[in-house]
């Protein structure tokens, strides 16, 4: 929801920051506080942070996207990579990704 705030204008910057610093907020005793602290770097003050997480319309939108991916595409895990008619779940190593690409028709 935080990445999709403001129409998603800063989606990639926010998701990049969250993934790069995941160990500092996802695996700590108070992940919400740690996430709030981290996103101060991206200009989220406490009021804005809390307002975004309380935005029911945005929450519903994110859930619709998730439901559609699960129901229509069979997504059960993140990340999921789609290549032609196949999909691959979980984080692929570089070698695993190379194997997927090598199997593609030229």
N, C-alpha and C. Protein backbone atom coordinates (compact mmCIF):
# COMPACT_ATOMS: atom_id res chain seq x y z
N UNK A 1 0.82 -1.18 0.00
CA UNK A 1 0.00 0.00 0.00
C UNK A 1 0.87 1.25 0.00
N UNK A 2 1.96 1.20 0.74
CA UNK A 2 2.84 2.36 0.81
C UNK A 2 3.43 2.69 -0.55
N UNK A 3 3.79 1.67 -1.30
CA UNK A 3 4.37 1.89 -2.63
C UNK A 3 3.31 2.38 -3.62
N UNK A 4 2.07 2.03 -3.41
CA UNK A 4 1.00 2.42 -4.33
C UNK A 4 0.37 3.77 -3.98
N UNK A 5 0.78 4.35 -2.86
CA UNK A 5 0.24 5.66 -2.46
C UNK A 5 0.56 6.70 -3.52
N UNK A 6 -0.22 7.74 -3.55
CA UNK A 6 -0.02 8.83 -4.52
C UNK A 6 -0.06 8.32 -5.95
N UNK A 7 -0.91 7.34 -6.20
CA UNK A 7 -1.05 6.82 -7.55
C UNK A 7 0.13 5.99 -8.01
N UNK A 8 0.98 5.57 -7.08
CA UNK A 8 2.12 4.73 -7.43
C UNK A 8 3.27 5.47 -8.09
N UNK A 9 3.28 6.81 -7.98
CA UNK A 9 4.33 7.59 -8.64
C UNK A 9 5.74 7.22 -8.18
N UNK A 10 5.84 6.74 -6.95
CA UNK A 10 7.16 6.37 -6.41
C UNK A 10 7.23 4.87 -6.11
N UNK A 11 6.44 4.10 -6.84
CA UNK A 11 6.32 2.66 -6.58
C UNK A 11 7.68 1.97 -6.55
N UNK A 12 8.47 2.15 -7.59
CA UNK A 12 9.74 1.43 -7.67
C UNK A 12 10.75 1.94 -6.66
N UNK A 13 10.77 3.21 -6.40
CA UNK A 13 11.69 3.74 -5.39
C UNK A 13 11.36 3.17 -4.01
N UNK A 14 10.07 3.09 -3.69
CA UNK A 14 9.66 2.56 -2.39
C UNK A 14 9.92 1.06 -2.31
N UNK A 15 9.54 0.31 -3.34
CA UNK A 15 9.78 -1.14 -3.28
C UNK A 15 11.26 -1.46 -3.28
N UNK A 16 12.05 -0.71 -4.03
CA UNK A 16 13.51 -0.92 -3.99
C UNK A 16 14.05 -0.70 -2.59
N UNK A 17 13.63 0.38 -1.95
CA UNK A 17 14.08 0.68 -0.59
C UNK A 17 13.66 -0.42 0.37
N UNK A 18 12.42 -0.87 0.28
CA UNK A 18 11.94 -1.93 1.17
C UNK A 18 12.70 -3.24 0.97
N UNK A 19 12.96 -3.61 -0.27
CA UNK A 19 13.70 -4.85 -0.51
C UNK A 19 15.16 -4.72 -0.09
N UNK A 20 15.78 -3.60 -0.41
CA UNK A 20 17.19 -3.41 -0.05
C UNK A 20 17.41 -3.43 1.46
N UNK A 21 16.45 -2.93 2.21
CA UNK A 21 16.60 -2.81 3.66
C UNK A 21 15.69 -3.77 4.42
N UNK A 22 15.27 -4.83 3.77
CA UNK A 22 14.30 -5.76 4.35
C UNK A 22 14.72 -6.28 5.72
N UNK A 23 15.98 -6.56 5.88
CA UNK A 23 16.46 -7.10 7.16
C UNK A 23 16.27 -6.12 8.31
N UNK A 24 16.17 -4.83 8.00
CA UNK A 24 16.05 -3.84 9.07
C UNK A 24 14.61 -3.61 9.51
N UNK A 25 13.63 -4.11 8.78
CA UNK A 25 12.24 -3.89 9.17
C UNK A 25 11.40 -5.17 9.23
N UNK A 26 11.71 -6.16 8.42
CA UNK A 26 10.84 -7.34 8.33
C UNK A 26 11.08 -8.37 9.42
N UNK A 27 12.26 -8.41 9.95
CA UNK A 27 12.63 -9.47 10.89
C UNK A 27 13.04 -8.88 12.24
N UNK A 28 12.28 -7.92 12.69
CA UNK A 28 12.56 -7.25 13.96
C UNK A 28 11.33 -7.35 14.85
N UNK A 29 11.49 -7.13 16.15
CA UNK A 29 10.34 -7.26 17.06
C UNK A 29 9.16 -6.33 16.74
N UNK A 30 9.44 -5.13 16.22
CA UNK A 30 8.36 -4.18 15.91
C UNK A 30 8.48 -3.74 14.45
N UNK A 31 8.05 -4.60 13.52
CA UNK A 31 8.24 -4.29 12.09
C UNK A 31 7.51 -3.04 11.62
N UNK A 32 6.35 -2.76 12.17
CA UNK A 32 5.61 -1.57 11.74
C UNK A 32 6.38 -0.30 12.10
N UNK A 33 6.90 -0.25 13.32
CA UNK A 33 7.70 0.91 13.73
C UNK A 33 8.96 1.04 12.88
N UNK A 34 9.61 -0.09 12.60
CA UNK A 34 10.84 -0.06 11.80
C UNK A 34 10.54 0.38 10.36
N UNK A 35 9.41 -0.05 9.82
CA UNK A 35 9.03 0.36 8.47
C UNK A 35 8.73 1.85 8.43
N UNK A 36 8.03 2.32 9.45
CA UNK A 36 7.72 3.75 9.54
C UNK A 36 9.01 4.56 9.60
N UNK A 37 9.98 4.10 10.40
CA UNK A 37 11.27 4.80 10.49
C UNK A 37 12.00 4.79 9.15
N UNK A 38 12.00 3.65 8.48
CA UNK A 38 12.69 3.54 7.19
C UNK A 38 12.07 4.48 6.15
N UNK A 39 10.76 4.54 6.11
CA UNK A 39 10.10 5.32 5.08
C UNK A 39 10.13 6.82 5.34
N UNK A 40 10.61 7.21 6.49
CA UNK A 40 10.86 8.65 6.70
C UNK A 40 11.85 9.14 5.65
N UNK A 41 12.78 8.26 5.24
CA UNK A 41 13.77 8.61 4.21
C UNK A 41 13.09 8.96 2.89
N UNK A 42 11.92 8.42 2.66
CA UNK A 42 11.20 8.66 1.41
C UNK A 42 10.14 9.75 1.57
N UNK A 43 10.18 10.45 2.70
CA UNK A 43 9.26 11.56 2.91
C UNK A 43 7.94 11.22 3.57
N UNK A 44 7.84 10.05 4.15
CA UNK A 44 6.61 9.65 4.83
C UNK A 44 6.70 10.06 6.30
N UNK A 45 5.99 11.11 6.70
CA UNK A 45 5.93 11.39 8.13
C UNK A 45 4.91 10.44 8.75
N UNK A 46 4.83 10.44 10.07
CA UNK A 46 3.97 9.47 10.76
C UNK A 46 2.51 9.60 10.31
N UNK A 47 2.03 10.83 10.20
CA UNK A 47 0.62 11.03 9.83
C UNK A 47 0.34 10.47 8.44
N UNK A 48 1.22 10.72 7.50
CA UNK A 48 1.02 10.22 6.13
C UNK A 48 1.10 8.70 6.10
N UNK A 49 2.10 8.14 6.77
CA UNK A 49 2.28 6.69 6.85
C UNK A 49 1.01 6.03 7.38
N UNK A 50 0.53 6.53 8.53
CA UNK A 50 -0.65 5.94 9.16
C UNK A 50 -1.90 6.13 8.29
N UNK A 51 -2.02 7.28 7.62
CA UNK A 51 -3.17 7.53 6.76
C UNK A 51 -3.21 6.56 5.58
N UNK A 52 -2.06 6.28 5.02
CA UNK A 52 -2.00 5.34 3.89
C UNK A 52 -2.42 3.95 4.33
N UNK A 53 -1.93 3.51 5.47
CA UNK A 53 -2.29 2.17 5.95
C UNK A 53 -3.75 2.08 6.36
N UNK A 54 -4.39 3.22 6.64
CA UNK A 54 -5.80 3.23 7.02
C UNK A 54 -6.72 3.45 5.81
N UNK A 55 -6.17 3.60 4.63
CA UNK A 55 -6.94 3.91 3.42
C UNK A 55 -7.64 2.64 2.92
N UNK A 56 -8.91 2.51 3.23
CA UNK A 56 -9.66 1.30 2.89
C UNK A 56 -9.76 1.09 1.38
N UNK A 57 -9.93 2.16 0.63
CA UNK A 57 -10.04 2.03 -0.83
C UNK A 57 -8.74 1.49 -1.42
N UNK A 58 -7.61 1.98 -0.94
CA UNK A 58 -6.32 1.48 -1.42
C UNK A 58 -6.12 0.03 -1.01
N UNK A 59 -6.50 -0.30 0.22
CA UNK A 59 -6.42 -1.68 0.71
C UNK A 59 -7.24 -2.61 -0.19
N UNK A 60 -8.46 -2.18 -0.50
CA UNK A 60 -9.33 -2.99 -1.36
C UNK A 60 -8.72 -3.16 -2.75
N UNK A 61 -8.11 -2.11 -3.28
CA UNK A 61 -7.48 -2.18 -4.60
C UNK A 61 -6.33 -3.19 -4.60
N UNK A 62 -5.48 -3.13 -3.59
CA UNK A 62 -4.36 -4.07 -3.49
C UNK A 62 -4.88 -5.50 -3.38
N UNK A 63 -5.91 -5.70 -2.58
CA UNK A 63 -6.47 -7.05 -2.44
C UNK A 63 -7.10 -7.55 -3.73
N UNK A 64 -7.72 -6.66 -4.52
CA UNK A 64 -8.28 -7.09 -5.81
C UNK A 64 -7.18 -7.57 -6.75
N UNK A 65 -6.06 -6.85 -6.77
CA UNK A 65 -4.93 -7.26 -7.63
C UNK A 65 -4.41 -8.62 -7.18
N UNK A 66 -4.25 -8.80 -5.87
CA UNK A 66 -3.77 -10.07 -5.34
C UNK A 66 -4.74 -11.21 -5.68
N UNK A 67 -6.02 -10.97 -5.48
CA UNK A 67 -7.02 -12.01 -5.77
C UNK A 67 -7.03 -12.38 -7.25
N UNK A 68 -6.95 -11.38 -8.10
CA UNK A 68 -6.93 -11.63 -9.55
C UNK A 68 -5.71 -12.46 -9.93
N UNK A 69 -4.56 -12.13 -9.38
CA UNK A 69 -3.34 -12.89 -9.69
C UNK A 69 -3.47 -14.33 -9.22
N UNK A 70 -4.04 -14.51 -8.04
CA UNK A 70 -4.21 -15.86 -7.50
C UNK A 70 -5.22 -16.65 -8.32
N UNK A 71 -6.37 -16.05 -8.60
CA UNK A 71 -7.45 -16.77 -9.26
C UNK A 71 -7.24 -16.95 -10.75
N UNK A 72 -6.79 -15.94 -11.45
CA UNK A 72 -6.66 -15.99 -12.91
C UNK A 72 -5.33 -16.56 -13.36
N UNK A 73 -4.28 -16.27 -12.60
CA UNK A 73 -2.94 -16.67 -13.04
C UNK A 73 -2.34 -17.80 -12.21
N UNK A 74 -2.97 -18.16 -11.10
CA UNK A 74 -2.45 -19.22 -10.27
C UNK A 74 -1.25 -18.83 -9.42
N UNK A 75 -1.08 -17.55 -9.16
CA UNK A 75 0.04 -17.10 -8.34
C UNK A 75 -0.21 -17.51 -6.90
N UNK A 76 0.75 -18.24 -6.33
CA UNK A 76 0.65 -18.69 -4.94
C UNK A 76 1.82 -18.21 -4.10
N UNK A 77 2.82 -17.63 -4.74
CA UNK A 77 4.01 -17.21 -4.01
C UNK A 77 4.62 -16.00 -4.70
N UNK A 78 5.41 -15.28 -3.94
CA UNK A 78 6.20 -14.20 -4.53
C UNK A 78 7.66 -14.48 -4.25
N UNK A 79 8.48 -14.24 -5.20
CA UNK A 79 8.12 -13.81 -6.55
C UNK A 79 7.62 -14.98 -7.39
N UNK A 80 6.88 -14.67 -8.42
CA UNK A 80 6.48 -15.63 -9.44
C UNK A 80 6.86 -15.04 -10.79
N UNK A 81 7.59 -15.80 -11.56
CA UNK A 81 8.06 -15.36 -12.87
C UNK A 81 7.27 -16.10 -13.95
N UNK A 82 6.71 -15.34 -14.89
CA UNK A 82 5.98 -15.93 -16.01
C UNK A 82 6.83 -15.83 -17.26
N UNK A 83 7.01 -16.96 -17.94
CA UNK A 83 7.72 -17.00 -19.21
C UNK A 83 6.88 -17.85 -20.15
N UNK A 84 6.32 -17.19 -21.16
CA UNK A 84 5.40 -17.85 -22.08
C UNK A 84 4.27 -18.50 -21.28
N UNK A 85 4.05 -19.78 -21.41
CA UNK A 85 2.94 -20.43 -20.72
C UNK A 85 3.33 -21.03 -19.38
N UNK A 86 4.55 -20.89 -18.97
CA UNK A 86 5.02 -21.48 -17.71
C UNK A 86 5.21 -20.40 -16.65
N UNK A 87 5.08 -20.81 -15.40
CA UNK A 87 5.43 -19.88 -14.33
C UNK A 87 6.30 -20.59 -13.32
N UNK A 88 7.18 -19.81 -12.70
CA UNK A 88 8.18 -20.31 -11.78
C UNK A 88 8.02 -19.56 -10.46
N UNK A 89 7.87 -20.32 -9.38
CA UNK A 89 7.64 -19.71 -8.08
C UNK A 89 8.92 -19.65 -7.26
N UNK A 90 9.01 -18.62 -6.46
CA UNK A 90 10.15 -18.47 -5.57
C UNK A 90 11.30 -17.78 -6.25
N UNK A 91 12.28 -17.45 -5.46
CA UNK A 91 13.44 -16.74 -5.98
C UNK A 91 14.31 -17.69 -6.79
N UNK A 92 14.54 -17.34 -8.03
CA UNK A 92 15.43 -18.13 -8.88
C UNK A 92 16.86 -17.63 -8.71
N UNK A 93 17.77 -18.56 -8.68
CA UNK A 93 19.18 -18.18 -8.73
C UNK A 93 19.49 -17.71 -10.14
N UNK A 94 20.64 -17.13 -10.32
CA UNK A 94 21.05 -16.73 -11.66
C UNK A 94 21.11 -17.94 -12.57
N UNK A 95 21.62 -19.05 -12.03
CA UNK A 95 21.71 -20.28 -12.82
C UNK A 95 20.31 -20.80 -13.18
N UNK A 96 19.39 -20.73 -12.22
CA UNK A 96 18.02 -21.18 -12.48
C UNK A 96 17.34 -20.33 -13.54
N UNK A 97 17.56 -19.03 -13.48
CA UNK A 97 17.01 -18.13 -14.49
C UNK A 97 17.63 -18.44 -15.85
N UNK A 98 18.94 -18.68 -15.89
CA UNK A 98 19.61 -19.03 -17.14
C UNK A 98 19.02 -20.31 -17.74
N UNK A 99 18.69 -21.29 -16.88
CA UNK A 99 18.10 -22.54 -17.37
C UNK A 99 16.73 -22.28 -18.00
N UNK A 100 15.94 -21.44 -17.38
CA UNK A 100 14.62 -21.09 -17.93
C UNK A 100 14.78 -20.45 -19.30
N UNK A 101 15.68 -19.49 -19.41
CA UNK A 101 15.90 -18.78 -20.66
C UNK A 101 16.46 -19.71 -21.73
N UNK A 102 17.36 -20.61 -21.34
CA UNK A 102 17.98 -21.52 -22.30
C UNK A 102 16.96 -22.45 -22.95
N UNK A 103 15.88 -22.74 -22.26
CA UNK A 103 14.85 -23.63 -22.79
C UNK A 103 13.91 -22.95 -23.78
N UNK A 104 13.99 -21.64 -23.88
CA UNK A 104 13.10 -20.91 -24.78
C UNK A 104 13.50 -21.14 -26.23
N UNK A 105 12.51 -21.19 -27.11
CA UNK A 105 12.85 -21.33 -28.53
C UNK A 105 13.59 -20.08 -29.02
N UNK A 106 14.49 -20.29 -29.94
CA UNK A 106 15.31 -19.17 -30.45
C UNK A 106 14.52 -18.23 -31.31
